[in-house]
């Protein structure tokens, strides 16, 4: 699997990720993508920015977990899911996606609207 980026490498050629890096990039894109952006796939995307910022529901983590799982199964079928763990601590949403291909860890900070590698204290709770 490969993921072509819009940036250039040191030789002035388009940057291309492959393997685990490509899969990680595709997962992040799928989680950040808002539904309806692609007309050919209007149901594609979790839309975590809009859902996380304005969500006060008790079962938010369960709903988000199922949505991420369904989106990965539907739009990234080469990724065989095992488990997804979610946790919120200090306004940071920790996401661990455990697959047969590897473990992908993400952290989404709702106050700064940044998705990045998780801080250690987020992973401790998962």
C-alpha atoms as a PDB file:
ATOM      1  CA  UNK A   1       0.000   0.000   0.000  1.00  0.00           C
ATOM      2  CA  UNK A   2       1.222   3.491  -0.846  1.00  0.00           C
ATOM      3  CA  UNK A   3       0.063   7.002   0.036  1.00  0.00           C
ATOM      4  CA  UNK A   4       1.135   9.901  -2.176  1.00  0.00           C
ATOM      5  CA  UNK A   5       1.521  13.201  -0.337  1.00  0.00           C
ATOM      6  CA  UNK A   6       1.355  16.753  -1.627  1.00  0.00           C
ATOM      7  CA  UNK A   7       4.870  17.509  -0.364  1.00  0.00           C
ATOM      8  CA  UNK A   8       8.285  16.885  -1.892  1.00  0.00           C
ATOM      9  CA  UNK A   9      11.204  14.776  -0.691  1.00  0.00           C
ATOM     10  CA  UNK A  10      14.840  15.971  -0.564  1.00  0.00           C
ATOM     11  CA  UNK A  11      15.249  15.292  -4.294  1.00  0.00           C
ATOM     12  CA  UNK A  12      12.268  17.409  -5.390  1.00  0.00           C
ATOM     13  CA  UNK A  13      10.106  14.371  -6.139  1.00  0.00           C
ATOM     14  CA  UNK A  14       6.605  13.773  -4.710  1.00  0.00           C
ATOM     15  CA  UNK A  15       6.822  12.191  -1.269  1.00  0.00           C
ATOM     16  CA  UNK A  16       5.353   8.686  -1.064  1.00  0.00           C
ATOM     17  CA  UNK A  17       4.660   6.692   2.102  1.00  0.00           C
ATOM     18  CA  UNK A  18       4.416   2.926   1.976  1.00  0.00           C
ATOM     19  CA  UNK A  19       3.599   0.136   4.403  1.00  0.00           C
ATOM     20  CA  UNK A  20       2.784   1.130   7.982  1.00  0.00           C
ATOM     21  CA  UNK A  21       3.339   4.856   7.372  1.00  0.00           C
ATOM     22  CA  UNK A  22       0.846   4.812   4.481  1.00  0.00           C
ATOM     23  CA  UNK A  23      -1.744   2.943   6.546  1.00  0.00           C
ATOM     24  CA  UNK A  24      -1.305   5.323   9.495  1.00  0.00           C
ATOM     25  CA  UNK A  25      -1.809   8.309   7.170  1.00  0.00           C
ATOM     26  CA  UNK A  26      -4.960   6.775   5.671  1.00  0.00           C
ATOM     27  CA  UNK A  27      -6.418   6.088   9.138  1.00  0.00           C
ATOM     28  CA  UNK A  28      -5.777   9.692  10.249  1.00  0.00           C
ATOM     29  CA  UNK A  29      -7.346  11.023   7.042  1.00  0.00           C
ATOM     30  CA  UNK A  30     -10.408   8.808   7.505  1.00  0.00           C
ATOM     31  CA  UNK A  31     -10.896   9.914  11.126  1.00  0.00           C
ATOM     32  CA  UNK A  32     -10.505  13.622  10.291  1.00  0.00           C
ATOM     33  CA  UNK A  33     -12.561  13.553   7.083  1.00  0.00           C
ATOM     34  CA  UNK A  34     -16.048  15.055   7.336  1.00  0.00           C
ATOM     35  CA  UNK A  35     -18.879  13.111   5.695  1.00  0.00           C
ATOM     36  CA  UNK A  36     -20.085  14.505   2.394  1.00  0.00           C
ATOM     37  CA  UNK A  37     -16.716  15.893   1.232  1.00  0.00           C
ATOM     38  CA  UNK A  38     -16.355  13.288  -1.534  1.00  0.00           C
ATOM     39  CA  UNK A  39     -19.476  13.128  -3.678  1.00  0.00           C
ATOM     40  CA  UNK A  40     -18.552   9.658  -4.918  1.00  0.00           C
ATOM     41  CA  UNK A  41     -18.472   8.400  -1.288  1.00  0.00           C
ATOM     42  CA  UNK A  42     -20.792  10.669   0.741  1.00  0.00           C
ATOM     43  CA  UNK A  43     -20.709   8.389   3.814  1.00  0.00           C
ATOM     44  CA  UNK A  44     -16.899   8.330   3.973  1.00  0.00           C
ATOM     45  CA  UNK A  45     -15.313   9.871   7.061  1.00  0.00           C
ATOM     46  CA  UNK A  46     -15.718   9.927  10.821  1.00  0.00           C
ATOM     47  CA  UNK A  47     -15.696  13.727  11.155  1.00  0.00           C
ATOM     48  CA  UNK A  48     -14.085  13.780  14.567  1.00  0.00           C
ATOM     49  CA  UNK A  49     -13.673  17.584  14.570  1.00  0.00           C
ATOM     50  CA  UNK A  50     -17.379  18.301  14.416  1.00  0.00           C
ATOM     51  CA  UNK A  51     -18.447  15.326  16.527  1.00  0.00           C
ATOM     52  CA  UNK A  52     -15.898  15.690  19.338  1.00  0.00           C
ATOM     53  CA  UNK A  53     -16.151  19.435  19.873  1.00  0.00           C
ATOM     54  CA  UNK A  54     -19.925  19.546  20.290  1.00  0.00           C
ATOM     55  CA  UNK A  55     -20.710  16.196  21.844  1.00  0.00           C
ATOM     56  CA  UNK A  56     -22.121  15.920  25.357  1.00  0.00           C
ATOM     57  CA  UNK A  57     -23.578  12.434  25.002  1.00  0.00           C
ATOM     58  CA  UNK A  58     -23.015   9.780  27.662  1.00  0.00           C
ATOM     59  CA  UNK A  59     -22.315   7.077  25.098  1.00  0.00           C
ATOM     60  CA  UNK A  60     -20.032   9.264  22.955  1.00  0.00           C
ATOM     61  CA  UNK A  61     -17.013   6.940  23.214  1.00  0.00           C
ATOM     62  CA  UNK A  62     -19.060   3.858  22.270  1.00  0.00           C
ATOM     63  CA  UNK A  63     -20.612   5.614  19.283  1.00  0.00           C
ATOM     64  CA  UNK A  64     -17.258   6.965  18.110  1.00  0.00           C
ATOM     65  CA  UNK A  65     -15.620   3.563  18.548  1.00  0.00           C
ATOM     66  CA  UNK A  66     -18.273   1.863  16.420  1.00  0.00           C
ATOM     67  CA  UNK A  67     -18.115   4.616  13.793  1.00  0.00           C
ATOM     68  CA  UNK A  68     -14.305   4.349  13.475  1.00  0.00           C
ATOM     69  CA  UNK A  69     -14.537   0.566  13.281  1.00  0.00           C
ATOM     70  CA  UNK A  70     -17.262   0.667  10.613  1.00  0.00           C
ATOM     71  CA  UNK A  71     -15.405   3.270   8.545  1.00  0.00           C
ATOM     72  CA  UNK A  72     -12.158   1.259   8.608  1.00  0.00           C
ATOM     73  CA  UNK A  73     -13.955  -1.968   7.687  1.00  0.00           C
ATOM     74  CA  UNK A  74     -15.745  -0.260   4.811  1.00  0.00           C
ATOM     75  CA  UNK A  75     -13.092   2.054   3.354  1.00  0.00           C
ATOM     76  CA  UNK A  76      -9.822   0.363   4.386  1.00  0.00           C
ATOM     77  CA  UNK A  77     -10.691  -3.316   3.864  1.00  0.00           C
ATOM     78  CA  UNK A  78      -7.023  -4.377   3.745  1.00  0.00           C
ATOM     79  CA  UNK A  79      -6.746  -3.418   7.417  1.00  0.00           C
ATOM     80  CA  UNK A  80      -7.966  -6.337   9.544  1.00  0.00           C
ATOM     81  CA  UNK A  81      -9.407  -4.939  12.788  1.00  0.00           C
ATOM     82  CA  UNK A  82      -8.886  -6.511  16.183  1.00  0.00           C
ATOM     83  CA  UNK A  83      -9.783  -3.820  18.721  1.00  0.00           C
ATOM     84  CA  UNK A  84     -10.249  -0.069  19.188  1.00  0.00           C
ATOM     85  CA  UNK A  85      -9.715   1.628  22.560  1.00  0.00           C
ATOM     86  CA  UNK A  86     -10.752   5.214  23.319  1.00  0.00           C
ATOM     87  CA  UNK A  87     -10.212   7.436  26.346  1.00  0.00           C
ATOM     88  CA  UNK A  88     -10.621  11.127  27.167  1.00  0.00           C
ATOM     89  CA  UNK A  89      -8.261  12.781  29.628  1.00  0.00           C
ATOM     90  CA  UNK A  90      -7.575  16.527  29.985  1.00  0.00           C
ATOM     91  CA  UNK A  91      -9.614  17.268  26.850  1.00  0.00           C
ATOM     92  CA  UNK A  92      -7.424  14.899  24.792  1.00  0.00           C
ATOM     93  CA  UNK A  93      -9.016  11.924  23.082  1.00  0.00           C
ATOM     94  CA  UNK A  94      -6.662   8.937  22.968  1.00  0.00           C
ATOM     95  CA  UNK A  95      -7.273   6.394  20.202  1.00  0.00           C
ATOM     96  CA  UNK A  96      -5.557   3.011  19.924  1.00  0.00           C
ATOM     97  CA  UNK A  97      -6.378   0.926  16.863  1.00  0.00           C
ATOM     98  CA  UNK A  98      -5.076  -2.620  17.196  1.00  0.00           C
ATOM     99  CA  UNK A  99      -4.925  -4.556  13.907  1.00  0.00           C
ATOM    100  CA  UNK A 100      -3.243  -7.631  12.530  1.00  0.00           C
ATOM    101  CA  UNK A 101      -0.911  -5.298  10.629  1.00  0.00           C
ATOM    102  CA  UNK A 102       0.144  -3.323  13.717  1.00  0.00           C
ATOM    103  CA  UNK A 103      -1.005  -0.973  16.462  1.00  0.00           C
ATOM    104  CA  UNK A 104      -1.819   2.632  15.525  1.00  0.00           C
ATOM    105  CA  UNK A 105      -2.011   5.244  18.285  1.00  0.00           C
ATOM    106  CA  UNK A 106      -3.482   8.727  17.880  1.00  0.00           C
ATOM    107  CA  UNK A 107      -4.371  11.626  20.133  1.00  0.00           C
ATOM    108  CA  UNK A 108      -6.884  14.324  19.259  1.00  0.00           C
ATOM    109  CA  UNK A 109      -6.814  17.558  21.240  1.00  0.00           C
ATOM    110  CA  UNK A 110     -10.247  19.130  20.988  1.00  0.00           C
ATOM    111  CA  UNK A 111      -9.192  22.542  22.291  1.00  0.00           C
ATOM    112  CA  UNK A 112      -6.353  23.018  19.781  1.00  0.00           C
ATOM    113  CA  UNK A 113      -7.941  20.890  17.017  1.00  0.00           C
ATOM    114  CA  UNK A 114      -4.719  18.892  16.516  1.00  0.00           C
ATOM    115  CA  UNK A 115      -4.324  15.160  15.872  1.00  0.00           C
ATOM    116  CA  UNK A 116      -0.876  13.845  16.728  1.00  0.00           C
ATOM    117  CA  UNK A 117       1.017  11.026  18.370  1.00  0.00           C
ATOM    118  CA  UNK A 118      -0.416  10.524  21.858  1.00  0.00           C
ATOM    119  CA  UNK A 119       1.162  11.759  25.049  1.00  0.00           C
ATOM    120  CA  UNK A 120       2.216   9.080  27.495  1.00  0.00           C
ATOM    121  CA  UNK A 121      -0.442  10.018  30.055  1.00  0.00           C
ATOM    122  CA  UNK A 122      -3.183   9.367  27.496  1.00  0.00           C
ATOM    123  CA  UNK A 123      -1.855   5.870  26.774  1.00  0.00           C
ATOM    124  CA  UNK A 124      -1.553   5.032  30.476  1.00  0.00           C
ATOM    125  CA  UNK A 125      -5.341   5.114  30.805  1.00  0.00           C
ATOM    126  CA  UNK A 126      -5.983   2.812  27.825  1.00  0.00           C
END
